[in-house]
Amino acid sequence: MEDHDIKEKILNGSKKLFMKYGVRSISMDDIARHLAVSKKTLYQHFADKDELVLMVSKSHLKDEKNRYETITSNSSNSIEELHKISSCLRRDMEEMNPTLLFDIEKFYPKAFEVYTDFKNKFVRHSIVKNIKQGIEEGYFRPEINPEIIASLRLNNVEAAFDERIFPKEKFNLAAVQVQLFEFFVYGICTEKGRKLYLKYKENNLQSQINNAIL
């Protein structure tokens, strides 16, 4: 196996473990055992766990950027874009350990800096752009300030990971994120936008039912 392939295998395998169990609880020994490679192989490609977490974060955020840019380019309007993002968000959160973001923030500052930069630049810009488009289309309320609402949305995403607000024994991360997302959507929509969003939801639900029957 080529060095590049081995490195990608380590990155992808580590990401799956981190997503499922969080970052702090997974050791280099765990990763080596899970991937059936030696620790020597791990350290040939990554100096330490800090570097591995940093590179996994960069790889994941690059994939996220490509995915959301694809959603934007393949959406016919701002509401369709939000509906597609909602579907992705639900899937992502169902696979993510609630401690993941906290672990990175507290123990891996370089990786958290990369995440923060991605959030404050790409994600913020995407939200502001979507809101401005929605206002022009008549789907979002014209009096809202896109920059203020984008900041509120970003804070809501992170709040869902805060166990002081949503303890994991009581709340499911995916359910919390979906509720907060829909609170955001309904808060910015006009009646016209709300009806279209509900239409996309109903069509999606019907599609799931049909697929289940088939």
N, C-alpha and C. Protein backbone atom coordinates (compact mmCIF):
# COMPACT_ATOMS: atom_id res chain seq x y z
N MET A 1 0.84 -1.20 0.00
CA MET A 1 0.00 0.00 0.00
C MET A 1 0.88 1.25 0.00
N GLU A 2 0.57 2.22 -0.85
CA GLU A 2 1.33 3.46 -0.95
C GLU A 2 1.21 4.27 0.34
N ASP A 3 2.26 5.09 0.60
CA ASP A 3 2.26 5.93 1.79
C ASP A 3 1.01 6.82 1.85
N HIS A 4 0.62 7.37 0.70
CA HIS A 4 -0.55 8.25 0.66
C HIS A 4 -1.81 7.48 1.07
N ASP A 5 -1.92 6.25 0.59
CA ASP A 5 -3.09 5.43 0.92
C ASP A 5 -3.13 5.07 2.40
N ILE A 6 -1.95 4.78 2.96
CA ILE A 6 -1.88 4.47 4.38
C ILE A 6 -2.29 5.69 5.21
N LYS A 7 -1.80 6.86 4.81
CA LYS A 7 -2.13 8.08 5.54
C LYS A 7 -3.63 8.36 5.49
N GLU A 8 -4.23 8.16 4.32
CA GLU A 8 -5.67 8.36 4.18
C GLU A 8 -6.45 7.34 5.02
N LYS A 9 -5.94 6.12 5.07
CA LYS A 9 -6.58 5.08 5.89
C LYS A 9 -6.56 5.49 7.36
N ILE A 10 -5.44 6.02 7.81
CA ILE A 10 -5.32 6.46 9.20
C ILE A 10 -6.25 7.63 9.48
N LEU A 11 -6.29 8.60 8.57
CA LEU A 11 -7.15 9.76 8.75
C LEU A 11 -8.62 9.36 8.81
N ASN A 12 -9.05 8.54 7.87
CA ASN A 12 -10.45 8.13 7.81
C ASN A 12 -10.85 7.26 9.00
N GLY A 13 -9.95 6.33 9.36
CA GLY A 13 -10.24 5.46 10.50
C GLY A 13 -10.28 6.22 11.81
N SER A 14 -9.35 7.16 11.96
CA SER A 14 -9.31 7.98 13.18
C SER A 14 -10.56 8.84 13.29
N LYS A 15 -10.98 9.41 12.17
CA LYS A 15 -12.18 10.25 12.16
C LYS A 15 -13.40 9.46 12.64
N LYS A 16 -13.55 8.24 12.16
CA LYS A 16 -14.71 7.42 12.57
C LYS A 16 -14.69 7.15 14.07
N LEU A 17 -13.50 6.88 14.61
CA LEU A 17 -13.38 6.63 16.04
C LEU A 17 -13.67 7.89 16.85
N PHE A 18 -13.12 9.01 16.41
CA PHE A 18 -13.34 10.28 17.11
C PHE A 18 -14.82 10.66 17.10
N MET A 19 -15.47 10.48 15.94
CA MET A 19 -16.88 10.83 15.82
C MET A 19 -17.73 9.98 16.76
N LYS A 20 -17.38 8.73 16.88
CA LYS A 20 -18.19 7.80 17.69
C LYS A 20 -17.92 7.91 19.18
N TYR A 21 -16.63 8.07 19.55
CA TYR A 21 -16.26 8.01 20.97
C TYR A 21 -15.75 9.32 21.55
N GLY A 22 -15.59 10.35 20.72
CA GLY A 22 -14.94 11.56 21.18
C GLY A 22 -13.45 11.45 20.95
N VAL A 23 -12.71 12.52 21.16
CA VAL A 23 -11.27 12.53 20.86
C VAL A 23 -10.44 12.11 22.06
N ARG A 24 -10.79 12.60 23.22
CA ARG A 24 -9.95 12.37 24.40
C ARG A 24 -9.86 10.90 24.77
N SER A 25 -10.95 10.16 24.60
CA SER A 25 -10.99 8.76 25.05
C SER A 25 -10.29 7.80 24.09
N ILE A 26 -9.90 8.27 22.91
CA ILE A 26 -9.25 7.41 21.92
C ILE A 26 -7.75 7.65 21.92
N SER A 27 -6.97 6.62 22.16
CA SER A 27 -5.51 6.73 22.19
C SER A 27 -4.91 6.28 20.86
N MET A 28 -3.64 6.54 20.70
CA MET A 28 -2.93 6.07 19.50
C MET A 28 -2.93 4.54 19.45
N ASP A 29 -2.88 3.91 20.61
CA ASP A 29 -2.96 2.44 20.67
C ASP A 29 -4.31 1.96 20.13
N ASP A 30 -5.38 2.65 20.52
CA ASP A 30 -6.73 2.30 20.03
C ASP A 30 -6.80 2.40 18.52
N ILE A 31 -6.23 3.47 17.99
CA ILE A 31 -6.27 3.70 16.54
C ILE A 31 -5.49 2.62 15.81
N ALA A 32 -4.29 2.32 16.31
CA ALA A 32 -3.46 1.29 15.68
C ALA A 32 -4.17 -0.06 15.69
N ARG A 33 -4.78 -0.38 16.83
CA ARG A 33 -5.49 -1.66 16.96
C ARG A 33 -6.69 -1.71 16.02
N HIS A 34 -7.46 -0.61 15.96
CA HIS A 34 -8.65 -0.55 15.11
C HIS A 34 -8.31 -0.69 13.63
N LEU A 35 -7.18 -0.10 13.24
CA LEU A 35 -6.79 -0.11 11.82
C LEU A 35 -5.88 -1.28 11.47
N ALA A 36 -5.51 -2.07 12.48
CA ALA A 36 -4.60 -3.20 12.27
C ALA A 36 -3.28 -2.75 11.66
N VAL A 37 -2.74 -1.67 12.21
CA VAL A 37 -1.40 -1.19 11.82
C VAL A 37 -0.58 -1.04 13.10
N SER A 38 0.71 -0.93 12.94
CA SER A 38 1.57 -0.76 14.11
C SER A 38 1.60 0.71 14.54
N LYS A 39 1.95 0.93 15.81
CA LYS A 39 2.10 2.32 16.27
C LYS A 39 3.25 3.00 15.52
N LYS A 40 4.23 2.21 15.13
CA LYS A 40 5.35 2.76 14.36
C LYS A 40 4.85 3.36 13.06
N THR A 41 3.89 2.68 12.42
CA THR A 41 3.31 3.20 11.17
C THR A 41 2.59 4.51 11.42
N LEU A 42 1.84 4.59 12.52
CA LEU A 42 1.15 5.83 12.86
C LEU A 42 2.15 6.99 13.00
N TYR A 43 3.23 6.72 13.73
CA TYR A 43 4.19 7.79 14.00
C TYR A 43 5.10 8.10 12.81
N GLN A 44 5.07 7.24 11.81
CA GLN A 44 5.78 7.57 10.56
C GLN A 44 5.03 8.66 9.80
N HIS A 45 3.73 8.74 10.01
CA HIS A 45 2.90 9.70 9.27
C HIS A 45 2.46 10.89 10.12
N PHE A 46 2.41 10.71 11.45
CA PHE A 46 1.98 11.79 12.33
C PHE A 46 2.88 11.82 13.56
N ALA A 47 3.38 12.99 13.88
CA ALA A 47 4.36 13.11 14.96
C ALA A 47 3.77 12.68 16.30
N ASP A 48 2.51 13.01 16.53
CA ASP A 48 1.84 12.66 17.79
C ASP A 48 0.33 12.78 17.59
N LYS A 49 -0.39 12.55 18.66
CA LYS A 49 -1.85 12.59 18.55
C LYS A 49 -2.34 14.00 18.23
N ASP A 50 -1.65 15.02 18.74
CA ASP A 50 -2.04 16.40 18.46
C ASP A 50 -2.04 16.66 16.95
N GLU A 51 -0.99 16.20 16.29
CA GLU A 51 -0.91 16.40 14.84
C GLU A 51 -1.98 15.59 14.12
N LEU A 52 -2.24 14.39 14.60
CA LEU A 52 -3.27 13.55 13.98
C LEU A 52 -4.64 14.21 14.10
N VAL A 53 -4.97 14.70 15.28
CA VAL A 53 -6.27 15.38 15.48
C VAL A 53 -6.36 16.61 14.58
N LEU A 54 -5.26 17.35 14.47
CA LEU A 54 -5.24 18.54 13.61
C LEU A 54 -5.49 18.17 12.16
N MET A 55 -4.83 17.13 11.68
CA MET A 55 -4.97 16.74 10.27
C MET A 55 -6.34 16.12 9.99
N VAL A 56 -6.89 15.38 10.95
CA VAL A 56 -8.24 14.84 10.80
C VAL A 56 -9.24 16.00 10.72
N SER A 57 -9.05 17.00 11.55
CA SER A 57 -9.93 18.17 11.55
C SER A 57 -9.87 18.90 10.22
N LYS A 58 -8.67 19.11 9.70
CA LYS A 58 -8.51 19.80 8.42
C LYS A 58 -9.16 19.00 7.29
N SER A 59 -8.95 17.69 7.30
CA SER A 59 -9.53 16.83 6.26
C SER A 59 -11.05 16.85 6.33
N HIS A 60 -11.58 16.75 7.56
CA HIS A 60 -13.04 16.74 7.74
C HIS A 60 -13.67 18.07 7.28
N LEU A 61 -13.05 19.18 7.65
CA LEU A 61 -13.61 20.48 7.30
C LEU A 61 -13.50 20.76 5.80
N LYS A 62 -12.48 20.23 5.18
CA LYS A 62 -12.37 20.34 3.72
C LYS A 62 -13.52 19.59 3.05
N ASP A 63 -13.81 18.39 3.55
CA ASP A 63 -14.94 17.62 3.02
C ASP A 63 -16.27 18.34 3.26
N GLU A 64 -16.41 18.93 4.45
CA GLU A 64 -17.63 19.68 4.78
C GLU A 64 -17.81 20.86 3.83
N LYS A 65 -16.73 21.56 3.57
CA LYS A 65 -16.79 22.71 2.66
C LYS A 65 -17.27 22.28 1.28
N ASN A 66 -16.70 21.19 0.78
CA ASN A 66 -17.09 20.69 -0.55
C ASN A 66 -18.55 20.25 -0.56
N ARG A 67 -18.97 19.61 0.53
CA ARG A 67 -20.34 19.11 0.59
C ARG A 67 -21.35 20.25 0.60
N TYR A 68 -21.09 21.26 1.41
CA TYR A 68 -22.04 22.36 1.50
C TYR A 68 -22.01 23.26 0.27
N GLU A 69 -20.86 23.36 -0.38
CA GLU A 69 -20.81 24.10 -1.64
C GLU A 69 -21.61 23.38 -2.72
N THR A 70 -21.58 22.04 -2.67
CA THR A 70 -22.38 21.25 -3.61
C THR A 70 -23.87 21.45 -3.35
N ILE A 71 -24.26 21.46 -2.08
CA ILE A 71 -25.66 21.71 -1.73
C ILE A 71 -26.11 23.07 -2.27
N THR A 72 -25.28 24.08 -2.06
CA THR A 72 -25.64 25.43 -2.51
C THR A 72 -25.80 25.48 -4.03
N SER A 73 -24.87 24.89 -4.74
CA SER A 73 -24.90 24.95 -6.21
C SER A 73 -26.04 24.12 -6.80
N ASN A 74 -26.50 23.11 -6.05
CA ASN A 74 -27.57 22.24 -6.55
C ASN A 74 -28.95 22.60 -6.00
N SER A 75 -29.05 23.73 -5.30
CA SER A 75 -30.34 24.16 -4.74
C SER A 75 -30.92 25.26 -5.61
N SER A 76 -32.22 25.16 -5.88
CA SER A 76 -32.87 26.13 -6.76
C SER A 76 -33.30 27.40 -6.02
N ASN A 77 -33.33 27.35 -4.68
CA ASN A 77 -33.69 28.52 -3.89
C ASN A 77 -33.15 28.38 -2.47
N SER A 78 -33.29 29.42 -1.69
CA SER A 78 -32.73 29.43 -0.33
C SER A 78 -33.40 28.41 0.59
N ILE A 79 -34.68 28.16 0.40
CA ILE A 79 -35.40 27.20 1.24
C ILE A 79 -34.95 25.78 0.95
N GLU A 80 -34.78 25.46 -0.32
CA GLU A 80 -34.29 24.12 -0.67
C GLU A 80 -32.90 23.90 -0.08
N GLU A 81 -32.07 24.92 -0.12
CA GLU A 81 -30.72 24.81 0.46
C GLU A 81 -30.82 24.51 1.95
N LEU A 82 -31.67 25.23 2.67
CA LEU A 82 -31.82 24.98 4.10
C LEU A 82 -32.37 23.58 4.38
N HIS A 83 -33.29 23.13 3.57
CA HIS A 83 -33.85 21.79 3.77
C HIS A 83 -32.78 20.72 3.58
N LYS A 84 -31.95 20.87 2.56
CA LYS A 84 -30.88 19.90 2.33
C LYS A 84 -29.86 19.94 3.45
N ILE A 85 -29.55 21.13 3.95
CA ILE A 85 -28.63 21.26 5.08
C ILE A 85 -29.21 20.58 6.31
N SER A 86 -30.51 20.73 6.52
CA SER A 86 -31.18 20.09 7.65
C SER A 86 -31.02 18.57 7.61
N SER A 87 -31.18 18.00 6.42
CA SER A 87 -31.04 16.54 6.26
C SER A 87 -29.62 16.10 6.57
N CYS A 88 -28.63 16.88 6.10
CA CYS A 88 -27.22 16.56 6.37
C CYS A 88 -26.92 16.69 7.86
N LEU A 89 -27.46 17.74 8.46
CA LEU A 89 -27.23 17.98 9.88
C LEU A 89 -27.74 16.82 10.72
N ARG A 90 -28.92 16.36 10.39
CA ARG A 90 -29.51 15.25 11.15
C ARG A 90 -28.61 14.00 11.06
N ARG A 91 -28.16 13.67 9.85
CA ARG A 91 -27.31 12.49 9.68
C ARG A 91 -25.99 12.65 10.44
N ASP A 92 -25.40 13.82 10.33
CA ASP A 92 -24.11 14.07 10.99
C ASP A 92 -24.22 13.94 12.50
N MET A 93 -25.25 14.54 13.06
CA MET A 93 -25.40 14.56 14.51
C MET A 93 -25.73 13.18 15.08
N GLU A 94 -26.39 12.35 14.29
CA GLU A 94 -26.71 10.99 14.74
C GLU A 94 -25.44 10.15 14.89
N GLU A 95 -24.39 10.55 14.17
CA GLU A 95 -23.14 9.78 14.17
C GLU A 95 -22.07 10.41 15.07
N MET A 96 -22.38 11.55 15.69
CA MET A 96 -21.35 12.31 16.41
C MET A 96 -21.49 12.18 17.92
N ASN A 97 -20.37 11.95 18.59
CA ASN A 97 -20.35 11.92 20.04
C ASN A 97 -20.50 13.35 20.57
N PRO A 98 -21.40 13.57 21.54
CA PRO A 98 -21.63 14.93 22.05
C PRO A 98 -20.40 15.61 22.64
N THR A 99 -19.40 14.80 23.06
CA THR A 99 -18.22 15.39 23.70
C THR A 99 -17.17 15.85 22.69
N LEU A 100 -17.38 15.57 21.41
CA LEU A 100 -16.35 15.79 20.41
C LEU A 100 -15.85 17.24 20.39
N LEU A 101 -16.75 18.18 20.27
CA LEU A 101 -16.34 19.58 20.16
C LEU A 101 -15.68 20.06 21.44
N PHE A 102 -16.22 19.65 22.59
CA PHE A 102 -15.64 20.03 23.88
C PHE A 102 -14.22 19.48 24.01
N ASP A 103 -14.03 18.23 23.63
CA ASP A 103 -12.70 17.61 23.69
C ASP A 103 -11.69 18.42 22.89
N ILE A 104 -12.07 18.77 21.67
CA ILE A 104 -11.15 19.50 20.79
C ILE A 104 -10.86 20.89 21.36
N GLU A 105 -11.90 21.56 21.84
CA GLU A 105 -11.71 22.91 22.39
C GLU A 105 -10.76 22.90 23.59
N LYS A 106 -10.93 21.92 24.47
CA LYS A 106 -10.17 21.91 25.72
C LYS A 106 -8.77 21.33 25.59
N PHE A 107 -8.60 20.31 24.75
CA PHE A 107 -7.34 19.58 24.73
C PHE A 107 -6.52 19.72 23.45
N TYR A 108 -7.14 20.24 22.37
CA TYR A 108 -6.43 20.33 21.10
C TYR A 108 -6.62 21.72 20.47
N PRO A 109 -5.94 22.72 21.05
CA PRO A 109 -6.16 24.11 20.64
C PRO A 109 -5.87 24.40 19.17
N LYS A 110 -4.89 23.74 18.59
CA LYS A 110 -4.59 23.98 17.17
C LYS A 110 -5.74 23.51 16.28
N ALA A 111 -6.27 22.36 16.60
CA ALA A 111 -7.42 21.85 15.83
C ALA A 111 -8.64 22.73 16.05
N PHE A 112 -8.82 23.20 17.28
CA PHE A 112 -9.98 24.05 17.56
C PHE A 112 -9.85 25.39 16.84
N GLU A 113 -8.64 25.87 16.70
CA GLU A 113 -8.40 27.12 15.96
C GLU A 113 -8.80 26.96 14.49
N VAL A 114 -8.51 25.80 13.91
CA VAL A 114 -8.91 25.52 12.52
C VAL A 114 -10.42 25.49 12.41
N TYR A 115 -11.07 24.83 13.37
CA TYR A 115 -12.54 24.79 13.37
C TYR A 115 -13.13 26.19 13.51
N THR A 116 -12.59 26.98 14.43
CA THR A 116 -13.09 28.33 14.66
C THR A 116 -12.95 29.20 13.41
N ASP A 117 -11.82 29.06 12.74
CA ASP A 117 -11.60 29.83 11.51
C ASP A 117 -12.60 29.42 10.43
N PHE A 118 -12.86 28.12 10.31
CA PHE A 118 -13.83 27.61 9.35
C PHE A 118 -15.23 28.14 9.67
N LYS A 119 -15.58 28.11 10.95
CA LYS A 119 -16.90 28.57 11.38
C LYS A 119 -17.07 30.07 11.11
N ASN A 120 -16.08 30.85 11.50
CA ASN A 120 -16.21 32.30 11.42
C ASN A 120 -16.07 32.86 10.01
N LYS A 121 -15.51 32.07 9.12
CA LYS A 121 -15.35 32.54 7.74
C LYS A 121 -16.33 31.84 6.80
N PHE A 122 -16.09 30.58 6.53
CA PHE A 122 -16.90 29.88 5.53
C PHE A 122 -18.35 29.72 5.97
N VAL A 123 -18.57 29.19 7.18
CA VAL A 123 -19.94 28.91 7.62
C VAL A 123 -20.73 30.21 7.78
N ARG A 124 -20.12 31.20 8.42
CA ARG A 124 -20.80 32.49 8.59
C ARG A 124 -21.16 33.09 7.24
N HIS A 125 -20.23 33.08 6.32
CA HIS A 125 -20.47 33.64 4.98
C HIS A 125 -21.62 32.90 4.29
N SER A 126 -21.65 31.58 4.44
CA SER A 126 -22.71 30.77 3.80
C SER A 126 -24.08 31.12 4.37
N ILE A 127 -24.15 31.30 5.70
CA ILE A 127 -25.43 31.63 6.33
C ILE A 127 -25.91 33.01 5.88
N VAL A 128 -25.00 33.98 5.91
CA VAL A 128 -25.34 35.34 5.51
C VAL A 128 -25.81 35.37 4.06
N LYS A 129 -25.10 34.67 3.20
CA LYS A 129 -25.45 34.62 1.78
C LYS A 129 -26.83 34.01 1.58
N ASN A 130 -27.11 32.91 2.30
CA ASN A 130 -28.41 32.25 2.20
C ASN A 130 -29.53 33.17 2.66
N ILE A 131 -29.32 33.86 3.77
CA ILE A 131 -30.35 34.77 4.29
C ILE A 131 -30.62 35.91 3.31
N LYS A 132 -29.57 36.49 2.77
CA LYS A 132 -29.75 37.59 1.82
C LYS A 132 -30.52 37.11 0.58
N GLN A 133 -30.19 35.92 0.12
CA GLN A 133 -30.89 35.34 -1.03
C GLN A 133 -32.37 35.13 -0.70
N GLY A 134 -32.61 34.59 0.51
CA GLY A 134 -33.98 34.32 0.93
C GLY A 134 -34.82 35.58 1.05
N ILE A 135 -34.20 36.66 1.50
CA ILE A 135 -34.91 37.94 1.60
C ILE A 135 -35.30 38.43 0.20
N GLU A 136 -34.36 38.31 -0.74
CA GLU A 136 -34.64 38.74 -2.12
C GLU A 136 -35.74 37.89 -2.76
N GLU A 137 -35.80 36.62 -2.39
CA GLU A 137 -36.81 35.72 -2.95
C GLU A 137 -38.17 35.86 -2.27
N GLY A 138 -38.20 36.58 -1.16
CA GLY A 138 -39.46 36.74 -0.43
C GLY A 138 -39.75 35.62 0.55
N TYR A 139 -38.78 34.73 0.76
CA TYR A 139 -38.97 33.61 1.67
C TYR A 139 -38.58 33.95 3.11
N PHE A 140 -37.71 34.94 3.30
CA PHE A 140 -37.28 35.34 4.63
C PHE A 140 -37.73 36.76 4.93
N ARG A 141 -37.97 37.03 6.19
CA ARG A 141 -38.46 38.34 6.61
C ARG A 141 -37.47 39.44 6.23
N PRO A 142 -37.92 40.51 5.58
CA PRO A 142 -37.02 41.55 5.07
C PRO A 142 -36.36 42.39 6.15
N GLU A 143 -36.94 42.40 7.37
CA GLU A 143 -36.41 43.29 8.41
C GLU A 143 -35.25 42.68 9.19
N ILE A 144 -34.96 41.38 8.99
CA ILE A 144 -33.90 40.75 9.78
C ILE A 144 -32.52 41.17 9.29
N ASN A 145 -31.58 41.19 10.22
CA ASN A 145 -30.18 41.54 9.91
C ASN A 145 -29.40 40.23 9.71
N PRO A 146 -28.94 39.95 8.49
CA PRO A 146 -28.26 38.67 8.22
C PRO A 146 -27.05 38.41 9.12
N GLU A 147 -26.27 39.44 9.43
CA GLU A 147 -25.08 39.25 10.26
C GLU A 147 -25.44 38.86 11.68
N ILE A 148 -26.47 39.51 12.24
CA ILE A 148 -26.91 39.19 13.60
C ILE A 148 -27.46 37.77 13.67
N ILE A 149 -28.31 37.42 12.71
CA ILE A 149 -28.93 36.09 12.70
C ILE A 149 -27.89 35.00 12.45
N ALA A 150 -26.88 35.28 11.63
CA ALA A 150 -25.80 34.31 11.39
C ALA A 150 -25.03 34.04 12.69
N SER A 151 -24.76 35.11 13.46
CA SER A 151 -24.06 34.94 14.75
C SER A 151 -24.89 34.10 15.71
N LEU A 152 -26.21 34.37 15.74
CA LEU A 152 -27.10 33.61 16.61
C LEU A 152 -27.12 32.14 16.21
N ARG A 153 -27.18 31.88 14.92
CA ARG A 153 -27.21 30.50 14.42
C ARG A 153 -25.93 29.76 14.80
N LEU A 154 -24.79 30.38 14.63
CA LEU A 154 -23.51 29.75 14.97
C LEU A 154 -23.44 29.41 16.45
N ASN A 155 -23.92 30.33 17.29
CA ASN A 155 -23.91 30.08 18.73
C ASN A 155 -24.86 28.96 19.11
N ASN A 156 -25.99 28.86 18.41
CA ASN A 156 -26.94 27.79 18.70
C ASN A 156 -26.36 26.42 18.39
N VAL A 157 -25.61 26.33 17.29
CA VAL A 157 -24.98 25.06 16.93
C VAL A 157 -24.06 24.59 18.05
N GLU A 158 -23.24 25.50 18.57
CA GLU A 158 -22.29 25.14 19.62
C GLU A 158 -23.00 24.88 20.95
N ALA A 159 -24.09 25.60 21.19
CA ALA A 159 -24.82 25.42 22.45
C ALA A 159 -25.34 24.00 22.60
N ALA A 160 -25.67 23.37 21.48
CA ALA A 160 -26.20 22.00 21.53
C ALA A 160 -25.18 21.02 22.10
N PHE A 161 -23.89 21.34 22.01
CA PHE A 161 -22.84 20.47 22.53
C PHE A 161 -22.55 20.74 24.01
N ASP A 162 -23.10 21.81 24.55
CA ASP A 162 -22.81 22.21 25.93
C ASP A 162 -23.67 21.40 26.89
N GLU A 163 -23.04 20.51 27.64
CA GLU A 163 -23.78 19.63 28.54
C GLU A 163 -24.36 20.36 29.75
N ARG A 164 -23.91 21.59 29.99
CA ARG A 164 -24.52 22.39 31.05
C ARG A 164 -25.93 22.83 30.64
N ILE A 165 -26.13 22.96 29.33
CA ILE A 165 -27.44 23.36 28.81
C ILE A 165 -28.27 22.13 28.42
N PHE A 166 -27.61 21.19 27.72
CA PHE A 166 -28.30 19.99 27.25
C PHE A 166 -27.52 18.75 27.71
N PRO A 167 -27.67 18.34 28.97
CA PRO A 167 -26.95 17.15 29.45
C PRO A 167 -27.29 15.92 28.62
N LYS A 168 -26.26 15.14 28.29
CA LYS A 168 -26.45 14.02 27.37
C LYS A 168 -27.33 12.92 27.95
N GLU A 169 -27.47 12.88 29.30
CA GLU A 169 -28.35 11.87 29.90
C GLU A 169 -29.82 12.18 29.61
N LYS A 170 -30.08 13.44 29.31
CA LYS A 170 -31.46 13.88 29.13
C LYS A 170 -31.81 14.19 27.68
N PHE A 171 -30.81 14.65 26.90
CA PHE A 171 -31.07 15.11 25.54
C PHE A 171 -30.24 14.36 24.52
N ASN A 172 -30.84 14.11 23.37
CA ASN A 172 -30.15 13.51 22.24
C ASN A 172 -29.59 14.62 21.36
N LEU A 173 -28.30 14.54 21.03
CA LEU A 173 -27.64 15.62 20.29
C LEU A 173 -28.33 15.90 18.96
N ALA A 174 -28.65 14.86 18.21
CA ALA A 174 -29.29 15.04 16.90
C ALA A 174 -30.64 15.73 17.05
N ALA A 175 -31.41 15.31 18.04
CA ALA A 175 -32.74 15.90 18.26
C ALA A 175 -32.62 17.37 18.63
N VAL A 176 -31.65 17.69 19.48
CA VAL A 176 -31.45 19.09 19.89
C VAL A 176 -31.06 19.94 18.69
N GLN A 177 -30.11 19.45 17.89
CA GLN A 177 -29.65 20.23 16.74
C GLN A 177 -30.78 20.45 15.74
N VAL A 178 -31.59 19.44 15.50
CA VAL A 178 -32.70 19.58 14.55
C VAL A 178 -33.72 20.58 15.08
N GLN A 179 -34.02 20.51 16.39
CA GLN A 179 -34.98 21.46 16.98
C GLN A 179 -34.46 22.89 16.87
N LEU A 180 -33.19 23.10 17.16
CA LEU A 180 -32.61 24.44 17.08
C LEU A 180 -32.58 24.94 15.63
N PHE A 181 -32.31 24.03 14.70
CA PHE A 181 -32.29 24.41 13.29
C PHE A 181 -33.67 24.86 12.83
N GLU A 182 -34.68 24.10 13.20
CA GLU A 182 -36.03 24.45 12.77
C GLU A 182 -36.52 25.72 13.47
N PHE A 183 -36.11 25.93 14.70
CA PHE A 183 -36.41 27.18 15.40
C PHE A 183 -35.83 28.35 14.62
N PHE A 184 -34.60 28.17 14.14
CA PHE A 184 -33.93 29.19 13.32
C PHE A 184 -34.69 29.43 12.02
N VAL A 185 -35.05 28.35 11.32
CA VAL A 185 -35.73 28.47 10.03
C VAL A 185 -37.07 29.18 10.17
N TYR A 186 -37.89 28.71 11.11
CA TYR A 186 -39.22 29.30 11.27
C TYR A 186 -39.14 30.75 11.76
N GLY A 187 -38.05 31.07 12.46
CA GLY A 187 -37.89 32.43 12.96
C GLY A 187 -37.58 33.44 11.86
N ILE A 188 -36.96 32.98 10.76
CA ILE A 188 -36.59 33.92 9.70
C ILE A 188 -37.55 33.88 8.51
N CYS A 189 -38.41 32.86 8.45
CA CYS A 189 -39.27 32.68 7.28
C CYS A 189 -40.49 33.61 7.27
N THR A 190 -40.87 34.03 6.09
CA THR A 190 -42.18 34.62 5.87
C THR A 190 -43.17 33.46 5.77
N GLU A 191 -44.46 33.77 5.69
CA GLU A 191 -45.46 32.71 5.53
C GLU A 191 -45.20 31.93 4.24
N LYS A 192 -44.81 32.63 3.19
CA LYS A 192 -44.48 32.00 1.92
C LYS A 192 -43.32 31.02 2.08
N GLY A 193 -42.29 31.45 2.82
CA GLY A 193 -41.13 30.59 3.05
C GLY A 193 -41.45 29.39 3.91
N ARG A 194 -42.28 29.61 4.94
CA ARG A 194 -42.66 28.51 5.84
C ARG A 194 -43.42 27.43 5.07
N LYS A 195 -44.33 27.84 4.21
CA LYS A 195 -45.12 26.88 3.43
C LYS A 195 -44.22 26.06 2.51
N LEU A 196 -43.24 26.72 1.89
CA LEU A 196 -42.34 26.00 0.99
C LEU A 196 -41.45 25.03 1.78
N TYR A 197 -40.97 25.46 2.94
CA TYR A 197 -40.14 24.59 3.76
C TYR A 197 -40.92 23.34 4.19
N LEU A 198 -42.18 23.54 4.59
CA LEU A 198 -43.03 22.41 4.98
C LEU A 198 -43.28 21.48 3.80
N LYS A 199 -43.39 22.06 2.62
CA LYS A 199 -43.60 21.24 1.42
C LYS A 199 -42.39 20.35 1.17
N TYR A 200 -41.18 20.90 1.31
CA TYR A 200 -39.97 20.10 1.14
C TYR A 200 -39.92 18.99 2.20
N LYS A 201 -40.29 19.30 3.43
CA LYS A 201 -40.29 18.30 4.50
C LYS A 201 -41.28 17.18 4.21
N GLU A 202 -42.46 17.54 3.76
CA GLU A 202 -43.48 16.54 3.45
C GLU A 202 -43.05 15.65 2.29
N ASN A 203 -42.45 16.24 1.27
CA ASN A 203 -41.97 15.46 0.13
C ASN A 203 -40.87 14.50 0.56
N ASN A 204 -40.00 14.97 1.45
CA ASN A 204 -38.92 14.12 1.94
C ASN A 204 -39.46 12.96 2.76
N LEU A 205 -40.46 13.26 3.60
CA LEU A 205 -41.08 12.21 4.41
C LEU A 205 -41.76 11.16 3.53
N GLN A 206 -42.45 11.62 2.50
CA GLN A 206 -43.12 10.70 1.59
C GLN A 206 -42.11 9.83 0.85
N SER A 207 -40.99 10.44 0.50
CA SER A 207 -39.94 9.69 -0.19
C SER A 207 -39.36 8.60 0.71
N GLN A 208 -39.18 8.93 2.01
CA GLN A 208 -38.68 7.93 2.97
C GLN A 208 -39.67 6.79 3.12
N ILE A 209 -40.96 7.13 3.18
CA ILE A 209 -41.99 6.08 3.30
C ILE A 209 -41.99 5.16 2.10
N ASN A 210 -41.88 5.76 0.90
CA ASN A 210 -41.86 4.97 -0.33
C ASN A 210 -40.65 4.05 -0.37
N ASN A 211 -39.50 4.57 0.04
CA ASN A 211 -38.28 3.77 0.04
C ASN A 211 -38.38 2.62 1.02
N ALA A 212 -39.03 2.88 2.17
CA ALA A 212 -39.20 1.84 3.18
C ALA A 212 -40.09 0.71 2.67
N ILE A 213 -41.13 1.11 1.94
CA ILE A 213 -42.05 0.12 1.36
C ILE A 213 -41.36 -0.72 0.31
N LEU A 214 -40.55 -0.05 -0.53
CA LEU A 214 -39.82 -0.77 -1.58
C LEU A 214 -38.72 -1.64 -1.00
